[in-house]
Amino acid sequence: MDTINSEKFRQICDGVWRDRTSILTSRGILSGEAALMRAVYWRVCKAGGVPGKSIEDCDAGHMLLIYQRLVTSVLAQYAHFDGAPQLKELVRRYVHEAPGRELLKVTEG
Protein backbone atom coordinates (compact mmCIF):
# COMPACT_ATOMS: atom_id res chain seq x y z
CA MET A 1 0.00 0.00 0.00
CA ASP A 2 1.17 3.49 -0.79
CA THR A 3 1.64 5.72 2.23
CA ILE A 4 -1.28 7.91 3.25
CA ASN A 5 -0.44 10.84 5.51
CA SER A 6 -2.85 12.69 7.78
CA GLU A 7 -3.32 15.49 5.24
CA LYS A 8 -4.32 13.01 2.53
CA PHE A 9 -6.68 11.32 4.97
CA ARG A 10 -8.23 14.67 5.85
CA GLN A 11 -8.74 15.29 2.12
CA ILE A 12 -10.43 11.89 1.80
CA CYS A 13 -12.78 12.69 4.70
CA ASP A 14 -13.49 16.13 3.25
CA GLY A 15 -14.22 14.50 -0.11
CA VAL A 16 -16.64 12.08 1.51
CA TRP A 17 -18.34 15.01 3.21
CA ARG A 18 -18.52 16.89 -0.09
CA ASP A 19 -20.06 13.82 -1.79
CA ARG A 20 -22.38 12.95 1.10
CA THR A 21 -25.61 13.52 -0.82
CA SER A 22 -24.69 10.87 -3.37
CA ILE A 23 -23.25 8.56 -0.72
CA LEU A 24 -26.32 8.82 1.50
CA THR A 25 -28.74 8.44 -1.40
CA SER A 26 -27.22 5.12 -2.44
CA ARG A 27 -26.59 3.71 1.05
CA GLY A 28 -29.07 0.83 0.91
CA ILE A 29 -29.67 -0.61 4.37
CA LEU A 30 -26.69 1.16 5.93
CA SER A 31 -27.15 3.93 8.47
CA GLY A 32 -25.91 7.30 7.28
CA GLU A 33 -22.88 7.05 9.54
CA ALA A 34 -21.97 3.59 8.26
CA ALA A 35 -22.40 4.74 4.66
CA LEU A 36 -19.92 7.58 5.28
CA MET A 37 -17.44 5.18 6.91
CA ARG A 38 -17.83 2.77 3.98
CA ALA A 39 -17.01 5.60 1.58
CA VAL A 40 -13.93 6.54 3.63
CA TYR A 41 -12.83 2.90 3.69
CA TRP A 42 -13.10 2.42 -0.08
CA ARG A 43 -11.36 5.73 -0.79
CA VAL A 44 -8.53 4.91 1.59
CA CYS A 45 -8.11 1.53 -0.12
CA LYS A 46 -8.17 3.18 -3.55
CA ALA A 47 -5.68 5.87 -2.53
CA GLY A 48 -3.36 3.26 -1.08
CA GLY A 49 -3.66 0.75 -3.89
CA VAL A 50 -5.09 -1.98 -1.66
CA PRO A 51 -8.14 -4.03 -2.63
CA GLY A 52 -10.96 -3.55 -0.14
CA LYS A 53 -13.10 -6.28 1.37
CA SER A 54 -16.89 -6.11 1.30
CA ILE A 55 -18.86 -6.49 4.51
CA GLU A 56 -22.30 -5.86 3.08
CA ASP A 57 -23.67 -9.09 4.50
CA CYS A 58 -22.97 -8.06 8.10
CA ASP A 59 -25.65 -7.02 10.56
CA ALA A 60 -26.74 -3.46 9.69
CA GLY A 61 -26.43 -2.26 13.29
CA HIS A 62 -22.74 -3.16 13.40
CA MET A 63 -21.60 -1.85 10.03
CA LEU A 64 -20.60 1.59 11.33
CA LEU A 65 -18.32 0.06 13.94
CA ILE A 66 -16.92 -2.46 11.45
CA TYR A 67 -16.11 0.21 8.86
CA GLN A 68 -14.57 2.45 11.54
CA ARG A 69 -12.38 -0.45 12.63
CA LEU A 70 -11.44 -1.27 9.03
CA VAL A 71 -10.40 2.31 8.31
CA THR A 72 -8.49 2.53 11.60
CA SER A 73 -6.78 -0.79 10.90
CA VAL A 74 -5.73 0.20 7.37
CA LEU A 75 -4.36 3.50 8.67
CA ALA A 76 -2.51 1.86 11.55
CA GLN A 77 -0.93 -0.69 9.25
CA TYR A 78 0.02 1.56 6.36
CA ALA A 79 -0.22 5.20 7.39
CA HIS A 80 0.95 5.09 11.01
CA PHE A 81 -1.32 7.80 12.39
CA ASP A 82 -4.62 7.92 14.24
CA GLY A 83 -7.49 8.88 11.97
CA ALA A 84 -10.12 8.39 14.67
CA PRO A 85 -10.55 12.12 15.39
CA GLN A 86 -11.27 12.82 11.72
CA LEU A 87 -13.72 9.92 11.51
CA LYS A 88 -15.45 11.15 14.66
CA GLU A 89 -15.71 14.65 13.16
CA LEU A 90 -17.17 13.26 9.92
CA VAL A 91 -19.90 11.43 11.85
CA ARG A 92 -20.48 14.48 14.10
CA ARG A 93 -20.99 16.69 11.05
CA TYR A 94 -23.48 14.21 9.63
CA VAL A 95 -25.44 13.98 12.87
CA HIS A 96 -25.44 17.76 13.20
CA GLU A 97 -26.70 18.21 9.62
CA ALA A 98 -29.47 15.60 9.87
CA PRO A 99 -32.10 17.10 12.22
CA GLY A 100 -33.49 14.60 14.70
CA ARG A 101 -30.69 12.15 13.94
CA GLU A 102 -29.03 10.59 16.96
CA LEU A 103 -25.52 9.27 16.91
CA LEU A 104 -25.52 5.50 16.75
CA LYS A 105 -24.51 4.03 20.07
CA VAL A 106 -21.78 1.49 19.46
CA THR A 107 -19.37 0.07 21.94
CA GLU A 108 -15.95 -1.21 21.21
CA GLY A 109 -15.11 -4.64 22.52
Foldseek 3Di string as FASTA:
>chain_A
DDADEPVNLLVQLVVLLVCLVVQVVPVPLADSLLSSLVSSLVVVCVVRVHDDDDDVVDDRLCSNVVSVVSNQVVCVVGHVDGCVVSSVVSQVVVQVVDPPDDDRDDDDD
